[in-house]
Amino acid sequence: MEQIFLDIEVRKEIGRSKVQDLRDAGFIPAVVYGEGSKSEPIKVPHKQLVQLLHQHGLENIIINLRLSDSKKARPCLIKELQYHPTTGDIVHIDFNEISLTKAIKVNIPVIAKGEPVGVKQEGGSLEHILWEVEVECLPTEIPKGIEVDVTNLKIGDSIHLKDIAFPAGVKVITD
């Protein structure tokens, strides 16, 4: 698994006008929520975050937050990205600090692969009903997505979660 690092700084700027000055200086305000610990305001370099966003997508990706004056990194998942309503720019991030040895629940995408026989030869249409599946696993074993081969589906056929093989160590929570 690839290690992703994001350099952060502790944020002392609190309040609307100070946070706007922070954004103008090229940073995004953020908060790290830790299990059993107090939340910590931080600031993230905008350019570095956008670069990671384009390279990795940041969905269910472990990001190691590293303070500029520390060598120790804190493994985190992105809890929420908040966007500006008109410009679409990221205006705030919430991180959840996680333990790499404790199982967590995450949603992973379901990806249909192939063109069904019922669509190609029989004139049907594929109804993709379940787009995400909630699973429980260790953070280091989070799959990027579950691929489902739909090429043999005919009109009236269906695939259920019980028919899909999940990787070892991944427990399905969704019914």
Protein backbone atom coordinates (compact mmCIF):
# COMPACT_ATOMS: atom_id res chain seq x y z
CA MET A 1 0.00 0.00 0.00
CA GLU A 2 1.34 3.39 -1.00
CA GLN A 3 2.09 5.86 1.79
CA ILE A 4 0.49 9.26 1.22
CA PHE A 5 1.82 12.17 3.25
CA LEU A 6 0.33 15.63 3.66
CA ASP A 7 2.27 18.38 5.40
CA ILE A 8 0.17 20.39 7.84
CA GLU A 9 0.61 23.21 10.32
CA VAL A 10 -1.22 23.95 13.56
CA ARG A 11 -3.81 26.67 12.97
CA LYS A 12 -4.13 29.58 15.37
CA GLU A 13 -6.43 31.56 13.08
CA ILE A 14 -10.02 31.20 14.30
CA GLY A 15 -12.96 33.25 13.06
CA ARG A 16 -14.43 34.14 9.69
CA SER A 17 -12.14 37.00 8.67
CA LYS A 18 -8.95 35.30 9.87
CA VAL A 19 -9.87 32.06 8.10
CA GLN A 20 -10.54 34.00 4.88
CA ASP A 21 -7.06 35.57 5.18
CA LEU A 22 -5.72 32.04 5.62
CA ARG A 23 -7.42 30.92 2.38
CA ASP A 24 -6.04 33.97 0.56
CA ALA A 25 -2.54 32.93 1.73
CA GLY A 26 -2.91 29.53 0.01
CA PHE A 27 -4.08 27.33 2.89
CA ILE A 28 -7.27 25.42 3.62
CA PRO A 29 -8.56 25.38 7.20
CA ALA A 30 -9.13 21.90 8.59
CA VAL A 31 -9.84 20.02 11.80
CA VAL A 32 -8.45 16.65 12.94
CA TYR A 33 -10.82 14.64 15.11
CA GLY A 34 -9.11 11.93 17.14
CA GLU A 35 -10.65 8.98 18.90
CA GLY A 36 -10.88 9.93 22.56
CA SER A 37 -8.86 13.11 22.10
CA LYS A 38 -9.65 16.76 21.59
CA SER A 39 -10.13 18.11 18.07
CA GLU A 40 -7.21 20.08 16.67
CA PRO A 41 -7.47 22.96 14.15
CA ILE A 42 -4.87 22.74 11.38
CA LYS A 43 -4.13 24.32 8.02
CA VAL A 44 -3.32 22.42 4.84
CA PRO A 45 -1.47 23.83 1.80
CA HIS A 46 -4.07 24.21 -0.96
CA LYS A 47 -1.70 23.31 -3.78
CA GLN A 48 -0.51 20.08 -2.12
CA LEU A 49 -4.08 18.97 -1.31
CA VAL A 50 -5.32 19.59 -4.87
CA GLN A 51 -2.35 17.62 -6.22
CA LEU A 52 -3.22 14.66 -3.94
CA LEU A 53 -6.87 14.96 -4.91
CA HIS A 54 -6.04 14.63 -8.61
CA GLN A 55 -3.55 11.78 -8.12
CA HIS A 56 -5.42 9.60 -5.61
CA GLY A 57 -9.02 10.79 -5.38
CA LEU A 58 -8.77 10.78 -1.57
CA GLU A 59 -11.89 8.60 -1.18
CA ASN A 60 -11.16 6.00 1.53
CA ILE A 61 -7.43 6.70 1.25
CA ILE A 62 -5.24 6.79 4.36
CA ILE A 63 -3.50 10.13 4.51
CA ASN A 64 -0.58 10.53 6.90
CA LEU A 65 -0.74 14.06 8.31
CA ARG A 66 2.73 15.29 9.17
CA LEU A 67 3.36 18.43 11.22
CA SER A 68 6.08 20.57 9.68
CA ASP A 69 8.24 20.37 12.84
CA SER A 70 7.63 16.66 13.57
CA LYS A 71 8.74 13.43 11.93
CA LYS A 72 5.76 11.49 13.32
CA ALA A 73 2.75 11.16 11.03
CA ARG A 74 -0.89 10.71 12.05
CA PRO A 75 -2.93 8.31 9.87
CA CYS A 76 -6.29 9.86 8.95
CA LEU A 77 -9.26 9.47 6.64
CA ILE A 78 -11.13 12.40 5.17
CA LYS A 79 -14.47 12.68 6.95
CA GLU A 80 -15.84 15.59 4.94
CA LEU A 81 -14.78 18.06 2.25
CA GLN A 82 -16.73 21.31 2.20
CA TYR A 83 -16.94 23.22 -1.09
CA HIS A 84 -17.76 26.84 -1.90
CA PRO A 85 -21.30 26.92 -3.37
CA THR A 86 -20.46 28.98 -6.46
CA THR A 87 -16.75 28.51 -7.19
CA GLY A 88 -16.51 24.84 -6.18
CA ASP A 89 -13.24 25.47 -4.30
CA ILE A 90 -12.52 23.43 -1.17
CA VAL A 91 -13.12 25.69 1.83
CA HIS A 92 -12.77 23.27 4.77
CA ILE A 93 -11.71 19.69 5.53
CA ASP A 94 -12.53 17.38 8.43
CA PHE A 95 -10.09 14.53 9.10
CA ASN A 96 -10.69 11.49 11.34
CA GLU A 97 -7.56 10.11 12.97
CA ILE A 98 -7.63 6.31 12.87
CA SER A 99 -5.79 3.34 14.33
CA LEU A 100 -4.19 1.08 11.72
CA THR A 101 -4.82 -1.98 13.92
CA LYS A 102 -8.55 -1.46 14.53
CA ALA A 103 -11.27 -2.31 12.00
CA ILE A 104 -13.37 0.57 10.63
CA LYS A 105 -16.55 0.87 8.57
CA VAL A 106 -16.33 2.53 5.16
CA ASN A 107 -18.39 2.71 1.98
CA ILE A 108 -16.76 1.39 -1.18
CA PRO A 109 -18.08 1.76 -4.74
CA VAL A 110 -19.62 -1.07 -6.74
CA ILE A 111 -18.32 -1.05 -10.33
CA ALA A 112 -20.13 -2.95 -13.10
CA LYS A 113 -17.68 -4.43 -15.64
CA GLY A 114 -18.64 -5.53 -19.12
CA GLU A 115 -21.77 -5.25 -21.26
CA PRO A 116 -24.59 -7.66 -20.33
CA VAL A 117 -25.91 -10.12 -22.94
CA GLY A 118 -29.43 -8.88 -22.12
CA VAL A 119 -28.47 -5.36 -23.16
CA LYS A 120 -26.37 -6.22 -26.21
CA GLN A 121 -28.53 -8.92 -27.80
CA GLU A 122 -31.96 -8.73 -26.19
CA GLY A 123 -32.54 -4.96 -26.08
CA GLY A 124 -32.74 -4.68 -22.29
CA SER A 125 -31.14 -2.16 -19.97
CA LEU A 126 -28.87 -2.64 -16.97
CA GLU A 127 -30.31 -1.33 -13.70
CA HIS A 128 -27.45 -0.58 -11.34
CA ILE A 129 -29.29 -0.21 -8.02
CA LEU A 130 -26.57 -0.48 -5.36
CA TRP A 131 -23.72 1.97 -6.02
CA GLU A 132 -21.92 1.63 -2.67
CA VAL A 133 -21.43 -1.16 -0.15
CA GLU A 134 -20.60 -0.61 3.51
CA VAL A 135 -17.78 -2.87 4.66
CA GLU A 136 -15.74 -3.34 7.81
CA CYS A 137 -12.01 -3.99 7.58
CA LEU A 138 -8.62 -2.78 8.72
CA PRO A 139 -7.71 0.62 7.24
CA THR A 140 -4.78 -0.90 5.38
CA GLU A 141 -7.09 -3.40 3.62
CA ILE A 142 -9.74 -1.00 2.27
CA PRO A 143 -10.52 -2.01 -1.34
CA LYS A 144 -10.73 0.80 -3.92
CA GLY A 145 -13.94 -0.73 -5.20
CA ILE A 146 -15.71 -4.01 -5.87
CA GLU A 147 -15.84 -4.98 -9.53
CA VAL A 148 -18.81 -7.08 -10.60
CA ASP A 149 -18.75 -8.89 -13.94
CA VAL A 150 -22.17 -8.37 -15.58
CA THR A 151 -21.40 -9.81 -19.05
CA ASN A 152 -23.46 -13.01 -18.54
CA LEU A 153 -26.62 -11.25 -17.32
CA LYS A 154 -29.74 -11.82 -19.41
CA ILE A 155 -33.07 -10.02 -19.11
CA GLY A 156 -34.52 -10.72 -15.68
CA ASP A 157 -31.21 -11.88 -14.15
CA SER A 158 -29.72 -10.21 -11.09
CA ILE A 159 -26.62 -10.29 -8.93
CA HIS A 160 -26.93 -10.12 -5.14
CA LEU A 161 -24.29 -9.24 -2.55
CA LYS A 162 -24.12 -12.88 -1.48
CA ASP A 163 -22.97 -13.74 -5.06
CA ILE A 164 -19.98 -11.36 -4.94
CA ALA A 165 -16.59 -12.52 -3.66
CA PHE A 166 -15.00 -9.96 -1.35
CA PRO A 167 -11.29 -9.94 -0.41
CA ALA A 168 -10.21 -11.75 2.74
CA GLY A 169 -10.50 -9.59 5.84
CA VAL A 170 -13.37 -7.54 4.40
CA LYS A 171 -16.73 -8.04 6.13
CA VAL A 172 -19.86 -6.80 4.33
CA ILE A 173 -22.22 -4.72 6.50
CA THR A 174 -24.82 -3.76 3.85
CA ASP A 175 -27.86 -6.08 3.58
